[in-house]
C-alpha atoms as a PDB file:
ATOM      1  CA  UNK A   1     100.475  82.324 154.190  1.00  0.00           C
ATOM      2  CA  UNK A   2      98.608  85.258 152.724  1.00  0.00           C
ATOM      3  CA  UNK A   3     101.829  86.271 150.880  1.00  0.00           C
ATOM      4  CA  UNK A   4     102.323  82.807 149.512  1.00  0.00           C
ATOM      5  CA  UNK A   5      98.691  82.676 148.293  1.00  0.00           C
ATOM      6  CA  UNK A   6      99.134  86.054 146.671  1.00  0.00           C
ATOM      7  CA  UNK A   7     102.276  85.020 144.788  1.00  0.00           C
ATOM      8  CA  UNK A   8     100.717  81.708 143.946  1.00  0.00           C
ATOM      9  CA  UNK A   9      97.752  83.484 142.328  1.00  0.00           C
ATOM     10  CA  UNK A  10     100.003  85.900 140.403  1.00  0.00           C
ATOM     11  CA  UNK A  11     101.938  82.963 139.204  1.00  0.00           C
ATOM     12  CA  UNK A  12      98.958  81.167 137.913  1.00  0.00           C
ATOM     13  CA  UNK A  13      97.529  84.291 136.501  1.00  0.00           C
ATOM     14  CA  UNK A  14     100.786  85.007 134.555  1.00  0.00           C
ATOM     15  CA  UNK A  15     100.746  81.386 133.054  1.00  0.00           C
ATOM     16  CA  UNK A  16      97.034  82.001 131.994  1.00  0.00           C
ATOM     17  CA  UNK A  17      97.966  85.244 130.320  1.00  0.00           C
ATOM     18  CA  UNK A  18     101.024  83.586 128.569  1.00  0.00           C
ATOM     19  CA  UNK A  19      98.752  80.725 127.367  1.00  0.00           C
ATOM     20  CA  UNK A  20      96.163  83.151 126.162  1.00  0.00           C
ATOM     21  CA  UNK A  21      98.560  85.322 124.274  1.00  0.00           C
ATOM     22  CA  UNK A  22     100.367  82.338 122.735  1.00  0.00           C
ATOM     23  CA  UNK A  23      97.061  80.997 121.430  1.00  0.00           C
ATOM     24  CA  UNK A  24      96.517  84.318 119.540  1.00  0.00           C
ATOM     25  CA  UNK A  25      99.875  84.058 117.870  1.00  0.00           C
ATOM     26  CA  UNK A  26      99.570  83.308 114.119  1.00  0.00           C
ATOM     27  CA  UNK A  27     102.258  80.698 113.415  1.00  0.00           C
ATOM     28  CA  UNK A  28     101.020  79.635 110.056  1.00  0.00           C
ATOM     29  CA  UNK A  29     103.222  79.736 106.946  1.00  0.00           C
ATOM     30  CA  UNK A  30     101.888  82.078 104.391  1.00  0.00           C
ATOM     31  CA  UNK A  31     102.729  81.821 100.687  1.00  0.00           C
ATOM     32  CA  UNK A  32     102.015  84.805  98.306  1.00  0.00           C
ATOM     33  CA  UNK A  33     102.105  83.669  94.686  1.00  0.00           C
ATOM     34  CA  UNK A  34     101.947  86.110  91.707  1.00  0.00           C
ATOM     35  CA  UNK A  35     101.045  84.589  88.335  1.00  0.00           C
ATOM     36  CA  UNK A  36     101.641  86.409  85.062  1.00  0.00           C
ATOM     37  CA  UNK A  37      99.266  85.246  82.425  1.00  0.00           C
ATOM     38  CA  UNK A  38     100.108  84.849  78.845  1.00  0.00           C
ATOM     39  CA  UNK A  39      98.637  87.529  76.608  1.00  0.00           C
ATOM     40  CA  UNK A  40      94.872  86.904  76.207  1.00  0.00           C
ATOM     41  CA  UNK A  41      94.991  84.035  78.748  1.00  0.00           C
ATOM     42  CA  UNK A  42      94.004  85.856  81.978  1.00  0.00           C
ATOM     43  CA  UNK A  43      90.299  84.920  81.785  1.00  0.00           C
ATOM     44  CA  UNK A  44      91.252  81.231  81.115  1.00  0.00           C
ATOM     45  CA  UNK A  45      93.509  81.233  84.089  1.00  0.00           C
ATOM     46  CA  UNK A  46      90.823  82.780  86.303  1.00  0.00           C
ATOM     47  CA  UNK A  47      88.267  80.181  85.047  1.00  0.00           C
ATOM     48  CA  UNK A  48      90.656  77.390  85.959  1.00  0.00           C
ATOM     49  CA  UNK A  49      91.101  78.875  89.483  1.00  0.00           C
ATOM     50  CA  UNK A  50      87.319  79.460  89.885  1.00  0.00           C
ATOM     51  CA  UNK A  51      86.170  76.038  88.772  1.00  0.00           C
ATOM     52  CA  UNK A  52      89.006  73.735  89.747  1.00  0.00           C
ATOM     53  CA  UNK A  53      92.185  74.976  91.343  1.00  0.00           C
ATOM     54  CA  UNK A  54      90.746  76.581  94.558  1.00  0.00           C
ATOM     55  CA  UNK A  55      88.735  73.293  95.291  1.00  0.00           C
ATOM     56  CA  UNK A  56      91.794  71.208  94.752  1.00  0.00           C
ATOM     57  CA  UNK A  57      93.957  73.392  96.989  1.00  0.00           C
ATOM     58  CA  UNK A  58      91.227  72.873  99.809  1.00  0.00           C
ATOM     59  CA  UNK A  59      91.127  69.252  99.239  1.00  0.00           C
ATOM     60  CA  UNK A  60      95.037  69.133  99.953  1.00  0.00           C
ATOM     61  CA  UNK A  61      94.773  71.109 103.022  1.00  0.00           C
ATOM     62  CA  UNK A  62      95.911  74.412 101.496  1.00  0.00           C
ATOM     63  CA  UNK A  63      93.871  77.364 102.890  1.00  0.00           C
ATOM     64  CA  UNK A  64      92.696  79.779 100.265  1.00  0.00           C
ATOM     65  CA  UNK A  65      93.219  83.204 101.932  1.00  0.00           C
ATOM     66  CA  UNK A  66      92.587  85.689  99.113  1.00  0.00           C
ATOM     67  CA  UNK A  67      92.813  86.291  95.336  1.00  0.00           C
ATOM     68  CA  UNK A  68      93.221  89.706  93.801  1.00  0.00           C
ATOM     69  CA  UNK A  69      93.682  91.542  90.471  1.00  0.00           C
ATOM     70  CA  UNK A  70      95.529  94.763  90.265  1.00  0.00           C
ATOM     71  CA  UNK A  71      93.329  97.649  89.159  1.00  0.00           C
ATOM     72  CA  UNK A  72      95.936  98.611  86.720  1.00  0.00           C
ATOM     73  CA  UNK A  73      96.648  95.181  85.455  1.00  0.00           C
ATOM     74  CA  UNK A  74      99.159  95.962  82.586  1.00  0.00           C
ATOM     75  CA  UNK A  75     101.113  92.729  83.360  1.00  0.00           C
ATOM     76  CA  UNK A  76      98.072  90.386  83.439  1.00  0.00           C
ATOM     77  CA  UNK A  77      98.637  89.518  86.983  1.00  0.00           C
ATOM     78  CA  UNK A  78      96.816  87.322  89.443  1.00  0.00           C
ATOM     79  CA  UNK A  79      97.950  87.769  93.149  1.00  0.00           C
ATOM     80  CA  UNK A  80      96.931  85.176  95.700  1.00  0.00           C
ATOM     81  CA  UNK A  81      97.782  84.038  99.221  1.00  0.00           C
ATOM     82  CA  UNK A  82      97.723  80.456 100.661  1.00  0.00           C
ATOM     83  CA  UNK A  83      98.406  79.440 104.177  1.00  0.00           C
ATOM     84  CA  UNK A  84      99.629  76.171 105.790  1.00  0.00           C
ATOM     85  CA  UNK A  85     100.211  74.884 109.259  1.00  0.00           C
ATOM     86  CA  UNK A  86     104.063  74.855 108.662  1.00  0.00           C
ATOM     87  CA  UNK A  87     106.700  74.315 105.876  1.00  0.00           C
ATOM     88  CA  UNK A  88     106.471  70.586 105.983  1.00  0.00           C
ATOM     89  CA  UNK A  89     102.677  70.715 105.425  1.00  0.00           C
ATOM     90  CA  UNK A  90     103.192  72.958 102.568  1.00  0.00           C
ATOM     91  CA  UNK A  91     105.576  70.601 100.880  1.00  0.00           C
ATOM     92  CA  UNK A  92     103.275  67.586 101.283  1.00  0.00           C
ATOM     93  CA  UNK A  93     100.326  69.542 100.140  1.00  0.00           C
ATOM     94  CA  UNK A  94     101.888  70.795  96.929  1.00  0.00           C
ATOM     95  CA  UNK A  95     103.264  67.394  96.175  1.00  0.00           C
ATOM     96  CA  UNK A  96      99.905  65.838  96.633  1.00  0.00           C
ATOM     97  CA  UNK A  97      98.204  68.578  94.513  1.00  0.00           C
ATOM     98  CA  UNK A  98     100.667  68.302  91.555  1.00  0.00           C
ATOM     99  CA  UNK A  99     100.287  64.480  91.483  1.00  0.00           C
ATOM    100  CA  UNK A 100      96.462  64.586  91.725  1.00  0.00           C
ATOM    101  CA  UNK A 101      95.062  62.983  88.571  1.00  0.00           C
ATOM    102  CA  UNK A 102      92.157  65.447  88.683  1.00  0.00           C
ATOM    103  CA  UNK A 103      94.672  68.382  88.565  1.00  0.00           C
ATOM    104  CA  UNK A 104      96.639  66.830  85.733  1.00  0.00           C
ATOM    105  CA  UNK A 105      93.452  66.427  83.757  1.00  0.00           C
ATOM    106  CA  UNK A 106      92.394  69.919  84.398  1.00  0.00           C
ATOM    107  CA  UNK A 107      95.808  71.367  83.535  1.00  0.00           C
ATOM    108  CA  UNK A 108      95.965  69.445  80.337  1.00  0.00           C
ATOM    109  CA  UNK A 109      92.579  70.497  79.129  1.00  0.00           C
ATOM    110  CA  UNK A 110      93.000  74.099  80.024  1.00  0.00           C
ATOM    111  CA  UNK A 111      96.322  74.324  78.163  1.00  0.00           C
ATOM    112  CA  UNK A 112      95.193  72.527  75.121  1.00  0.00           C
ATOM    113  CA  UNK A 113      95.553  75.804  73.111  1.00  0.00           C
ATOM    114  CA  UNK A 114      98.659  77.038  74.808  1.00  0.00           C
ATOM    115  CA  UNK A 115      99.982  77.532  78.278  1.00  0.00           C
ATOM    116  CA  UNK A 116      98.288  79.997  80.537  1.00  0.00           C
ATOM    117  CA  UNK A 117     101.145  81.328  82.580  1.00  0.00           C
ATOM    118  CA  UNK A 118     104.346  82.986  81.559  1.00  0.00           C
ATOM    119  CA  UNK A 119     105.961  83.495  84.872  1.00  0.00           C
ATOM    120  CA  UNK A 120     105.405  82.769  88.633  1.00  0.00           C
ATOM    121  CA  UNK A 121     106.870  84.658  91.692  1.00  0.00           C
ATOM    122  CA  UNK A 122     106.248  83.349  95.126  1.00  0.00           C
ATOM    123  CA  UNK A 123     107.200  84.479  98.673  1.00  0.00           C
ATOM    124  CA  UNK A 124     107.172  82.516 101.961  1.00  0.00           C
ATOM    125  CA  UNK A 125     105.997  84.800 104.675  1.00  0.00           C
ATOM    126  CA  UNK A 126     105.461  84.914 108.516  1.00  0.00           C
ATOM    127  CA  UNK A 127     103.144  87.311 110.426  1.00  0.00           C
ATOM    128  CA  UNK A 128     104.672  90.015 112.595  1.00  0.00           C
ATOM    129  CA  UNK A 129     103.572  90.419 116.154  1.00  0.00           C
ATOM    130  CA  UNK A 130     101.598  93.519 115.432  1.00  0.00           C
ATOM    131  CA  UNK A 131      99.531  91.894 112.639  1.00  0.00           C
ATOM    132  CA  UNK A 132      95.850  91.982 113.564  1.00  0.00           C
ATOM    133  CA  UNK A 133      94.898  88.691 115.288  1.00  0.00           C
ATOM    134  CA  UNK A 134      91.515  88.648 113.647  1.00  0.00           C
ATOM    135  CA  UNK A 135      90.931  89.623 110.006  1.00  0.00           C
ATOM    136  CA  UNK A 136      87.450  89.894 108.628  1.00  0.00           C
ATOM    137  CA  UNK A 137      87.213  88.120 105.298  1.00  0.00           C
ATOM    138  CA  UNK A 138      84.109  90.107 104.346  1.00  0.00           C
ATOM    139  CA  UNK A 139      84.369  93.961 104.691  1.00  0.00           C
ATOM    140  CA  UNK A 140      82.370  96.848 103.169  1.00  0.00           C
ATOM    141  CA  UNK A 141      80.865  96.146  99.761  1.00  0.00           C
ATOM    142  CA  UNK A 142      83.264  96.849  96.857  1.00  0.00           C
ATOM    143  CA  UNK A 143      86.247  97.573  99.133  1.00  0.00           C
ATOM    144  CA  UNK A 144      89.681  97.618  97.572  1.00  0.00           C
ATOM    145  CA  UNK A 145      92.875  96.262  98.739  1.00  0.00           C
ATOM    146  CA  UNK A 146      96.385  97.813  98.866  1.00  0.00           C
ATOM    147  CA  UNK A 147      99.464  95.555  98.759  1.00  0.00           C
ATOM    148  CA  UNK A 148     102.428  97.472 100.060  1.00  0.00           C
ATOM    149  CA  UNK A 149     106.080  96.174  99.951  1.00  0.00           C
ATOM    150  CA  UNK A 150     108.862  97.937 101.847  1.00  0.00           C
ATOM    151  CA  UNK A 151     112.552  97.255 101.391  1.00  0.00           C
ATOM    152  CA  UNK A 152     114.402  98.324 104.377  1.00  0.00           C
ATOM    153  CA  UNK A 153     117.797  99.979 104.416  1.00  0.00           C
ATOM    154  CA  UNK A 154     120.661  97.838 105.688  1.00  0.00           C
ATOM    155  CA  UNK A 155     120.236  96.894 109.402  1.00  0.00           C
ATOM    156  CA  UNK A 156     116.987  98.905 109.761  1.00  0.00           C
ATOM    157  CA  UNK A 157     114.272  96.254 109.390  1.00  0.00           C
ATOM    158  CA  UNK A 158     113.897  96.168 113.170  1.00  0.00           C
ATOM    159  CA  UNK A 159     113.681  99.951 113.440  1.00  0.00           C
ATOM    160  CA  UNK A 160     111.026  99.804 110.684  1.00  0.00           C
ATOM    161  CA  UNK A 161     109.018  97.225 112.432  1.00  0.00           C
ATOM    162  CA  UNK A 162     109.384  99.218 115.716  1.00  0.00           C
ATOM    163  CA  UNK A 163     107.814 102.216 114.046  1.00  0.00           C
ATOM    164  CA  UNK A 164     104.874 100.240 112.672  1.00  0.00           C
ATOM    165  CA  UNK A 165     104.343  98.380 115.944  1.00  0.00           C
ATOM    166  CA  UNK A 166     104.374 101.508 117.988  1.00  0.00           C
ATOM    167  CA  UNK A 167     102.822 104.141 115.805  1.00  0.00           C
ATOM    168  CA  UNK A 168     101.990 103.371 112.098  1.00  0.00           C
ATOM    169  CA  UNK A 169      99.539 100.733 112.475  1.00  0.00           C
ATOM    170  CA  UNK A 170      97.269 102.579 115.040  1.00  0.00           C
ATOM    171  CA  UNK A 171      97.628 105.890 112.911  1.00  0.00           C
ATOM    172  CA  UNK A 172      96.539 104.064 109.728  1.00  0.00           C
ATOM    173  CA  UNK A 173      93.408 102.986 111.574  1.00  0.00           C
ATOM    174  CA  UNK A 174      92.982 106.658 112.760  1.00  0.00           C
ATOM    175  CA  UNK A 175      92.553 107.669 109.093  1.00  0.00           C
ATOM    176  CA  UNK A 176      90.110 104.994 108.212  1.00  0.00           C
ATOM    177  CA  UNK A 177      92.468 102.445 106.745  1.00  0.00           C
ATOM    178  CA  UNK A 178      91.797  98.832 107.716  1.00  0.00           C
ATOM    179  CA  UNK A 179      94.908  96.918 108.818  1.00  0.00           C
ATOM    180  CA  UNK A 180      95.048  93.315 107.477  1.00  0.00           C
ATOM    181  CA  UNK A 181      98.092  91.097 107.352  1.00  0.00           C
ATOM    182  CA  UNK A 182     101.655  92.261 108.039  1.00  0.00           C
ATOM    183  CA  UNK A 183     104.390  89.940 107.141  1.00  0.00           C
ATOM    184  CA  UNK A 184     108.083  89.520 106.937  1.00  0.00           C
ATOM    185  CA  UNK A 185     109.677  86.804 104.587  1.00  0.00           C
ATOM    186  CA  UNK A 186     110.848  83.492 106.268  1.00  0.00           C
ATOM    187  CA  UNK A 187     114.139  83.710 104.325  1.00  0.00           C
ATOM    188  CA  UNK A 188     116.958  85.193 106.466  1.00  0.00           C
ATOM    189  CA  UNK A 189     118.754  88.469 105.547  1.00  0.00           C
ATOM    190  CA  UNK A 190     115.726  89.518 103.422  1.00  0.00           C
ATOM    191  CA  UNK A 191     114.860  93.063 104.775  1.00  0.00           C
ATOM    192  CA  UNK A 192     111.223  93.283 103.635  1.00  0.00           C
ATOM    193  CA  UNK A 193     107.875  94.205 105.154  1.00  0.00           C
ATOM    194  CA  UNK A 194     104.890  93.134 103.167  1.00  0.00           C
ATOM    195  CA  UNK A 195     101.386  94.074 104.174  1.00  0.00           C
ATOM    196  CA  UNK A 196      97.790  94.453 103.187  1.00  0.00           C
ATOM    197  CA  UNK A 197      95.457  97.340 103.844  1.00  0.00           C
ATOM    198  CA  UNK A 198      91.825  97.771 102.691  1.00  0.00           C
ATOM    199  CA  UNK A 199      89.917 100.950 101.758  1.00  0.00           C
ATOM    200  CA  UNK A 200      86.407 101.866 100.562  1.00  0.00           C
ATOM    201  CA  UNK A 201      87.870 102.833  97.273  1.00  0.00           C
ATOM    202  CA  UNK A 202      91.225 103.606  95.727  1.00  0.00           C
ATOM    203  CA  UNK A 203      90.450 107.389  95.942  1.00  0.00           C
ATOM    204  CA  UNK A 204      89.687 106.928  99.669  1.00  0.00           C
ATOM    205  CA  UNK A 205      93.052 105.076 100.238  1.00  0.00           C
ATOM    206  CA  UNK A 206      95.023 107.914  98.491  1.00  0.00           C
ATOM    207  CA  UNK A 207      93.175 110.657 100.551  1.00  0.00           C
ATOM    208  CA  UNK A 208      93.917 108.719 103.831  1.00  0.00           C
ATOM    209  CA  UNK A 209      97.607 108.494 103.027  1.00  0.00           C
ATOM    210  CA  UNK A 210      97.676 112.245 102.265  1.00  0.00           C
ATOM    211  CA  UNK A 211      96.233 112.892 105.691  1.00  0.00           C
ATOM    212  CA  UNK A 212      98.560 110.385 107.393  1.00  0.00           C
ATOM    213  CA  UNK A 213     101.687 111.970 105.859  1.00  0.00           C
ATOM    214  CA  UNK A 214     100.568 115.442 107.053  1.00  0.00           C
ATOM    215  CA  UNK A 215      99.974 114.156 110.613  1.00  0.00           C
ATOM    216  CA  UNK A 216     102.303 116.080 113.040  1.00  0.00           C
ATOM    217  CA  UNK A 217     102.972 113.095 115.139  1.00  0.00           C
ATOM    218  CA  UNK A 218     103.832 110.963 112.014  1.00  0.00           C
ATOM    219  CA  UNK A 219     106.288 113.540 110.952  1.00  0.00           C
ATOM    220  CA  UNK A 220     107.873 113.611 114.493  1.00  0.00           C
ATOM    221  CA  UNK A 221     107.955 109.909 114.768  1.00  0.00           C
ATOM    222  CA  UNK A 222     109.477 109.418 111.252  1.00  0.00           C
ATOM    223  CA  UNK A 223     112.092 112.059 112.148  1.00  0.00           C
ATOM    224  CA  UNK A 224     113.088 110.443 115.381  1.00  0.00           C
ATOM    225  CA  UNK A 225     113.272 106.894 113.882  1.00  0.00           C
ATOM    226  CA  UNK A 226     115.315 108.004 111.016  1.00  0.00           C
ATOM    227  CA  UNK A 227     117.729 109.784 113.380  1.00  0.00           C
ATOM    228  CA  UNK A 228     118.035 106.558 115.232  1.00  0.00           C
ATOM    229  CA  UNK A 229     118.474 104.499 112.087  1.00  0.00           C
ATOM    230  CA  UNK A 230     121.064 106.790 110.470  1.00  0.00           C
ATOM    231  CA  UNK A 231     118.773 107.993 107.651  1.00  0.00           C
ATOM    232  CA  UNK A 232     115.669 106.637 105.831  1.00  0.00           C
ATOM    233  CA  UNK A 233     114.484 103.344 107.026  1.00  0.00           C
ATOM    234  CA  UNK A 234     113.350 102.304 103.633  1.00  0.00           C
ATOM    235  CA  UNK A 235     115.082 101.807 100.267  1.00  0.00           C
ATOM    236  CA  UNK A 236     111.805 101.510  98.378  1.00  0.00           C
ATOM    237  CA  UNK A 237     108.044 101.460  98.946  1.00  0.00           C
ATOM    238  CA  UNK A 238     105.842  99.856  96.322  1.00  0.00           C
ATOM    239  CA  UNK A 239     102.008 100.307  96.456  1.00  0.00           C
ATOM    240  CA  UNK A 240      99.452  98.383  94.295  1.00  0.00           C
ATOM    241  CA  UNK A 241      95.671  98.705  94.527  1.00  0.00           C
ATOM    242  CA  UNK A 242      93.793  95.619  93.795  1.00  0.00           C
ATOM    243  CA  UNK A 243      90.227  94.258  93.646  1.00  0.00           C
ATOM    244  CA  UNK A 244      89.263  90.746  94.786  1.00  0.00           C
ATOM    245  CA  UNK A 245      88.217  88.116  92.207  1.00  0.00           C
ATOM    246  CA  UNK A 246      84.673  86.776  92.305  1.00  0.00           C
ATOM    247  CA  UNK A 247      85.988  83.467  93.960  1.00  0.00           C
ATOM    248  CA  UNK A 248      88.225  85.049  96.568  1.00  0.00           C
ATOM    249  CA  UNK A 249      87.305  84.314 100.111  1.00  0.00           C
ATOM    250  CA  UNK A 250      88.683  87.736 101.121  1.00  0.00           C
ATOM    251  CA  UNK A 251      86.197  90.402  99.791  1.00  0.00           C
END
């Protein structure tokens, strides 16, 4: 009887743990959108978002996660992230947004003297299992954000994710970098890892990465992972430092 009770307790406890871990899993669909403003139109675009667009997104069940401007903004870019419950919710929300009479009025008024946007890029993303479960929207005052995009070498995305999961994320934290979202695209056969870090300043971020790259454990970990993967795990790594807009929920 004692043995039965023991295994029953373990069974119930395992179910509880499974339920708890599942509830922590972020299953939302994220969408990163990059808008390239027409020359001289970035401030008008920001005003439209500040005064109208973000409110209409919220009205149509689109969660405003964050809005950023590159520090070196030669391309007049606005980078922002929305999230939804799932893909179906996303389609319904955007359809309702585009058909909203208020949006049509706002868009027409704001483009009276010419269109505001020259190009739009967008990416559908899902969180990795090592992405932090809780992200503080408000950090240290005037912190900067770093958007990093990795393109993995053929068949090495899983090896790259394993390296981040087991070593990189915790070592970033060791050197004072704040881990935010870690995503992979929802599209199949797209070997990318996209993630956000935050730093007290751009200079602090650059200094932290210098220390990270010189870490003996990192050097050994990278070497072992590349031996397993048959060479470098990445084709390219792109880093962009950004500051949040005044209307960004993420600061």
